[in-house]
Amino acid sequence: MLPRSVTQGDISLTEFGPTHQKNPCFKEKSILALTLHCGDAAPNFGAGSGKRDCQVKTMKAQAVANRNRRWHSAKGRSIIETLIVVTIAAILTSVALPQMMSARRLMRSATLPREIASQLRFTRQQAMSQRQAFTFQYDDSTKQITIFNHNNVGNSTTSCNMSGAAVLAASGYPNTACTTTLLTIPLTGSGGLPASEVSYGIPNGISSTALSDTTTLTSLSSNKVYVTFQSDGTVVDTNGNPTNRTLFFYNNKVATQTAAAVSVLGASGRIKVWRYDTSANKYAE
């Protein structure tokens, strides 16, 4: 059986299989060889060919393969093709990345009013279950929620025992001498919204009129908002009259899309979450 040959100019590439492994010119079972055209007759690779002068110089298969591949990779892709694929991928990434970041920002912003409402409900529940005043505090400078237990009923310290309305006028309110901190909850960081993106209030371009439940924005006092629930779950002022509280928030990177509010009706203690409806141009429950 004759070896297979491919001619390139003055050099013939010949692949010899296992049938020629006994020939002294071939030390591997399957190799690539170069047959030089010297004008002599082609070598006889049959029996006894070991006595003749070898006209074939062996080469490593990898060297010939590298020469034939030239600009192609191991999988047959050229450098130009690879660069085209990389360029297309970069363009698609540059288009999709901003949209992904915007969607992620909207999702994180949507959790903010829900978290605030959840902590307000927890504070109210504690006040009613323990039959004493509890205060929810939002600190806009640190973007944190703090819940205080005023320990104003059944306290071993006589001076601590007072009505919930009296707690509001006590020295150091909300952190009075008898008060203990129940919880401190950060609203930003730790994979959530950056503190720099959270703003308190109503964005420009949105009407600041009252919500449908008649509540309006509660202004910050020393960068804080306080909501003190009485033992019956209501919210009152120092005179014992029901008073409403409403906290407005938005993400300043996408203000109108993330504008939201959480209202507390003083007379009942009911807590509602509102989101700004851009089509209706108002906050909707």
Protein backbone atom coordinates (compact mmCIF):
# COMPACT_ATOMS: atom_id res chain seq x y z
CA MET A 1 0.00 0.00 0.00
CA LEU A 2 1.53 3.31 -1.11
CA PRO A 3 1.83 6.27 1.25
CA ARG A 4 -0.40 9.32 0.76
CA SER A 5 1.34 12.42 -0.64
CA VAL A 6 0.48 16.08 -1.13
CA THR A 7 2.80 18.09 -3.38
CA GLN A 8 3.70 21.70 -2.46
CA GLY A 9 6.22 23.20 -4.88
CA ASP A 10 9.49 21.25 -4.68
CA ILE A 11 8.43 19.39 -1.54
CA SER A 12 6.10 16.44 -1.25
CA LEU A 13 4.33 15.86 2.08
CA THR A 14 3.97 12.15 2.61
CA GLU A 15 2.16 10.43 5.46
CA PHE A 16 3.37 6.97 6.25
CA GLY A 17 1.20 4.66 8.22
CA PRO A 18 1.91 1.68 10.42
CA THR A 19 2.89 -0.53 7.40
CA HIS A 20 6.20 1.32 7.15
CA GLN A 21 7.13 1.25 10.81
CA LYS A 22 9.91 -1.32 10.12
CA ASN A 23 11.69 0.98 7.66
CA PRO A 24 14.84 2.42 9.35
CA CYS A 25 13.96 5.88 8.08
CA PHE A 26 10.76 5.92 10.16
CA LYS A 27 10.96 5.53 13.92
CA GLU A 28 7.29 6.22 14.69
CA LYS A 29 4.22 4.29 13.71
CA SER A 30 2.65 7.28 12.00
CA ILE A 31 4.72 10.31 10.94
CA LEU A 32 4.86 13.03 8.35
CA ALA A 33 7.86 13.04 6.04
CA LEU A 34 9.29 15.34 3.41
CA THR A 35 10.40 13.71 0.14
CA LEU A 36 12.93 15.90 -1.65
CA HIS A 37 12.81 15.89 -5.46
CA CYS A 38 16.47 15.20 -6.24
CA GLY A 39 15.86 13.66 -9.65
CA ASP A 40 16.23 10.12 -8.32
CA ALA A 41 13.62 7.44 -8.51
CA ALA A 42 11.09 7.33 -5.75
CA PRO A 43 12.24 5.22 -2.84
CA ASN A 44 11.00 1.70 -2.49
CA PHE A 45 9.34 1.22 0.85
CA GLY A 46 8.89 -2.50 0.52
CA ALA A 47 11.03 -5.27 2.02
CA GLY A 48 14.75 -4.58 2.03
CA SER A 49 14.37 -0.86 1.62
CA GLY A 50 16.44 -0.35 4.76
CA LYS A 51 19.61 -0.93 2.78
CA ARG A 52 19.02 2.00 0.50
CA ASP A 53 19.95 5.62 1.22
CA CYS A 54 17.03 7.39 2.78
CA GLN A 55 15.75 10.27 0.65
CA VAL A 56 13.22 11.23 3.30
CA LYS A 57 13.83 13.56 6.23
CA THR A 58 11.29 13.23 9.01
CA MET A 59 9.64 16.20 10.69
CA LYS A 60 7.44 16.55 13.73
CA ALA A 61 3.76 16.53 12.93
CA GLN A 62 3.19 19.66 14.97
CA ALA A 63 5.68 21.70 12.90
CA VAL A 64 3.93 20.84 9.63
CA ALA A 65 0.52 21.44 11.18
CA ASN A 66 1.60 24.90 12.37
CA ARG A 67 2.85 25.77 8.88
CA ASN A 68 -0.42 24.69 7.29
CA ARG A 69 -2.62 26.46 9.87
CA ARG A 70 -0.85 29.80 9.49
CA TRP A 71 -3.33 32.37 10.99
CA HIS A 72 -5.89 29.87 12.28
CA SER A 73 -6.43 28.83 15.88
CA ALA A 74 -6.66 25.25 17.12
CA LYS A 75 -10.40 25.27 16.38
CA GLY A 76 -10.03 26.77 12.93
CA ARG A 77 -11.06 30.39 13.70
CA SER A 78 -9.01 33.21 12.28
CA ILE A 79 -7.88 36.21 14.33
CA ILE A 80 -10.16 38.47 12.29
CA GLU A 81 -13.19 36.27 13.05
CA THR A 82 -12.33 36.28 16.75
CA LEU A 83 -12.00 40.08 16.79
CA ILE A 84 -15.41 40.43 15.10
CA VAL A 85 -17.06 38.23 17.75
CA VAL A 86 -15.38 40.17 20.58
CA THR A 87 -16.49 43.51 19.07
CA ILE A 88 -20.10 42.37 18.73
CA ALA A 89 -20.11 41.10 22.32
CA ALA A 90 -18.75 44.43 23.56
CA ILE A 91 -21.45 46.37 21.69
CA LEU A 92 -24.24 44.18 23.07
CA THR A 93 -22.86 44.52 26.60
CA SER A 94 -22.65 48.31 26.35
CA VAL A 95 -26.32 48.43 25.29
CA ALA A 96 -27.67 45.92 27.82
CA LEU A 97 -25.67 46.96 30.91
CA PRO A 98 -27.34 50.37 31.48
CA GLN A 99 -30.77 48.78 31.15
CA MET A 100 -29.85 46.07 33.65
CA MET A 101 -28.55 48.66 36.12
CA SER A 102 -31.73 50.73 35.75
CA ALA A 103 -33.96 47.69 36.34
CA ARG A 104 -31.91 46.73 39.37
CA ARG A 105 -32.20 50.27 40.78
CA LEU A 106 -35.97 50.24 40.34
CA MET A 107 -36.29 46.88 42.08
CA ARG A 108 -34.21 48.00 45.06
CA SER A 109 -36.07 51.30 45.31
CA ALA A 110 -39.40 49.48 45.38
CA THR A 111 -38.37 47.61 48.54
CA LEU A 112 -37.72 50.82 50.52
CA PRO A 113 -41.34 51.87 51.26
CA ARG A 114 -42.27 48.26 51.97
CA GLU A 115 -39.50 47.96 54.55
CA ILE A 116 -40.54 51.22 56.22
CA ALA A 117 -44.19 50.14 56.35
CA SER A 118 -43.17 46.77 57.75
CA GLN A 119 -41.18 48.37 60.58
CA LEU A 120 -44.00 50.81 61.35
CA ARG A 121 -46.42 47.89 61.68
CA PHE A 122 -43.95 46.06 63.90
CA THR A 123 -43.64 49.12 66.17
CA ARG A 124 -47.41 49.44 66.44
CA GLN A 125 -47.75 45.74 67.22
CA GLN A 126 -45.19 46.02 70.04
CA ALA A 127 -47.03 49.00 71.53
CA MET A 128 -50.35 47.17 71.54
CA SER A 129 -49.00 43.83 72.77
CA GLN A 130 -46.97 45.35 75.62
CA ARG A 131 -49.54 48.06 76.42
CA GLN A 132 -47.02 50.91 76.43
CA ALA A 133 -45.60 53.53 74.06
CA PHE A 134 -43.15 52.62 71.31
CA THR A 135 -41.53 55.10 68.90
CA PHE A 136 -40.47 54.57 65.28
CA GLN A 137 -37.64 56.92 64.27
CA TYR A 138 -36.34 57.53 60.75
CA ASP A 139 -32.96 59.28 60.55
CA ASP A 140 -32.41 60.80 57.12
CA SER A 141 -28.73 61.55 57.77
CA THR A 142 -27.87 57.88 58.39
CA LYS A 143 -30.77 56.32 56.44
CA GLN A 144 -31.60 54.20 59.47
CA ILE A 145 -34.69 53.15 61.39
CA THR A 146 -34.56 52.93 65.19
CA ILE A 147 -37.36 51.54 67.35
CA PHE A 148 -37.59 52.67 70.98
CA ASN A 149 -39.40 51.05 73.89
CA HIS A 150 -40.35 53.75 76.38
CA ASN A 151 -41.03 51.36 79.29
CA ASN A 152 -43.67 53.77 80.57
CA VAL A 153 -46.03 51.23 82.13
CA GLY A 154 -45.35 48.93 85.09
CA ASN A 155 -41.79 50.16 85.44
CA SER A 156 -40.00 49.53 88.75
CA THR A 157 -38.79 53.14 88.55
CA THR A 158 -41.80 55.18 89.55
CA SER A 159 -40.79 58.26 87.58
CA CYS A 160 -40.81 56.23 84.36
CA ASN A 161 -44.51 55.43 84.64
CA MET A 162 -46.50 57.95 82.64
CA SER A 163 -49.07 58.21 79.86
CA GLY A 164 -48.05 57.79 76.24
CA ALA A 165 -48.82 61.44 75.56
CA ALA A 166 -46.56 62.45 78.45
CA VAL A 167 -43.72 60.48 76.90
CA LEU A 168 -43.80 62.88 73.96
CA ALA A 169 -42.99 65.80 76.26
CA ALA A 170 -40.44 63.95 78.41
CA SER A 171 -36.86 65.19 78.48
CA GLY A 172 -34.67 63.71 75.77
CA TYR A 173 -37.60 62.32 73.74
CA PRO A 174 -37.55 59.91 72.07
CA ASN A 175 -34.52 58.57 73.93
CA THR A 176 -35.69 59.39 77.44
CA ALA A 177 -34.12 58.19 80.69
CA CYS A 178 -36.41 55.17 80.82
CA THR A 179 -36.23 54.34 77.11
CA THR A 180 -34.40 51.35 75.65
CA THR A 181 -33.50 50.74 71.99
CA LEU A 182 -35.28 47.71 70.58
CA LEU A 183 -33.95 47.68 67.01
CA THR A 184 -31.71 49.63 64.65
CA ILE A 185 -32.20 48.84 60.97
CA PRO A 186 -30.14 50.32 58.09
CA LEU A 187 -32.10 50.98 54.91
CA THR A 188 -29.09 51.27 52.59
CA GLY A 189 -25.81 49.52 51.91
CA SER A 190 -25.01 45.80 52.17
CA GLY A 191 -25.95 45.16 48.56
CA GLY A 192 -28.98 47.46 48.68
CA LEU A 193 -29.45 51.06 47.63
CA PRO A 194 -26.52 53.46 48.10
CA ALA A 195 -27.31 56.06 50.76
CA SER A 196 -26.53 58.84 48.26
CA GLU A 197 -29.50 57.79 46.07
CA VAL A 198 -32.17 57.88 48.80
CA SER A 199 -33.93 61.22 49.21
CA TYR A 200 -36.66 62.21 51.64
CA GLY A 201 -39.54 64.33 50.34
CA ILE A 202 -41.36 64.83 47.06
CA PRO A 203 -39.44 65.10 43.75
CA ASN A 204 -39.60 68.25 41.63
CA GLY A 205 -42.40 68.18 39.10
CA ILE A 206 -44.78 66.23 41.35
CA SER A 207 -47.66 67.96 43.08
CA SER A 208 -47.21 68.10 46.85
CA THR A 209 -50.95 68.06 47.58
CA ALA A 210 -52.41 65.74 50.20
CA LEU A 211 -52.84 62.03 49.55
CA SER A 212 -56.27 60.50 49.17
CA ASP A 213 -56.38 59.78 52.92
CA THR A 214 -55.80 63.54 53.54
CA THR A 215 -52.30 63.02 54.98
CA THR A 216 -49.44 65.31 53.96
CA LEU A 217 -45.67 65.25 54.13
CA THR A 218 -44.25 65.17 57.66
CA SER A 219 -41.29 67.54 57.80
CA LEU A 220 -37.96 66.43 59.17
CA SER A 221 -36.99 67.62 62.63
CA SER A 222 -33.20 67.63 63.02
CA ASN A 223 -33.15 65.23 60.02
CA LYS A 224 -35.52 62.84 61.80
CA VAL A 225 -39.16 61.79 61.75
CA TYR A 226 -40.83 60.28 64.85
CA VAL A 227 -43.97 58.17 64.98
CA THR A 228 -44.98 57.20 68.53
CA PHE A 229 -47.66 54.54 68.86
CA GLN A 230 -49.77 54.47 71.99
CA SER A 231 -50.85 51.31 73.77
CA ASP A 232 -54.06 51.23 71.70
CA GLY A 233 -52.16 51.56 68.39
CA THR A 234 -53.05 55.21 67.76
CA VAL A 235 -50.71 58.15 67.16
CA VAL A 236 -51.37 61.34 69.13
CA ASP A 237 -49.73 64.67 69.91
CA THR A 238 -48.75 65.98 73.36
CA ASN A 239 -52.37 66.99 73.97
CA GLY A 240 -53.65 63.51 73.22
CA ASN A 241 -55.20 64.46 69.89
CA PRO A 242 -54.81 62.09 66.92
CA THR A 243 -52.13 63.22 64.48
CA ASN A 244 -51.17 61.83 61.09
CA ARG A 245 -47.67 61.06 59.86
CA THR A 246 -46.54 60.60 56.23
CA LEU A 247 -43.04 59.80 55.01
CA PHE A 248 -42.17 60.45 51.35
CA PHE A 249 -39.15 58.91 49.60
CA TYR A 250 -37.66 58.63 46.14
CA ASN A 251 -34.48 57.54 44.40
CA ASN A 252 -32.87 60.74 43.06
CA LYS A 253 -31.47 58.85 40.04
CA VAL A 254 -34.96 57.95 38.80
CA ALA A 255 -37.15 60.29 40.85
CA THR A 256 -40.65 60.06 39.34
CA GLN A 257 -40.36 56.32 38.72
CA THR A 258 -39.53 55.59 42.36
CA ALA A 259 -41.54 58.23 44.25
CA ALA A 260 -43.41 56.60 47.12
CA ALA A 261 -45.00 57.42 50.46
CA VAL A 262 -45.97 55.64 53.68
CA SER A 263 -48.83 57.19 55.66
CA VAL A 264 -50.00 56.57 59.23
CA LEU A 265 -53.53 57.61 60.22
CA GLY A 266 -53.35 58.85 63.80
CA ALA A 267 -56.91 58.00 64.84
CA SER A 268 -56.70 54.35 63.83
CA GLY A 269 -52.98 53.74 63.43
CA ARG A 270 -53.61 52.36 59.94
CA ILE A 271 -50.50 52.22 57.74
CA LYS A 272 -50.65 52.58 53.94
CA VAL A 273 -48.07 52.39 51.14
CA TRP A 274 -48.42 54.77 48.17
CA ARG A 275 -46.61 54.88 44.81
CA TYR A 276 -46.55 57.69 42.32
CA ASP A 277 -48.58 56.95 39.18
CA THR A 278 -46.94 58.85 36.30
CA SER A 279 -49.97 58.44 34.02
CA ALA A 280 -52.44 59.76 36.61
CA ASN A 281 -49.94 62.28 38.01
CA LYS A 282 -50.71 61.37 41.61
CA TYR A 283 -49.82 58.98 44.40
CA ALA A 284 -51.95 55.83 44.32
CA GLU A 285 -52.47 53.29 47.10
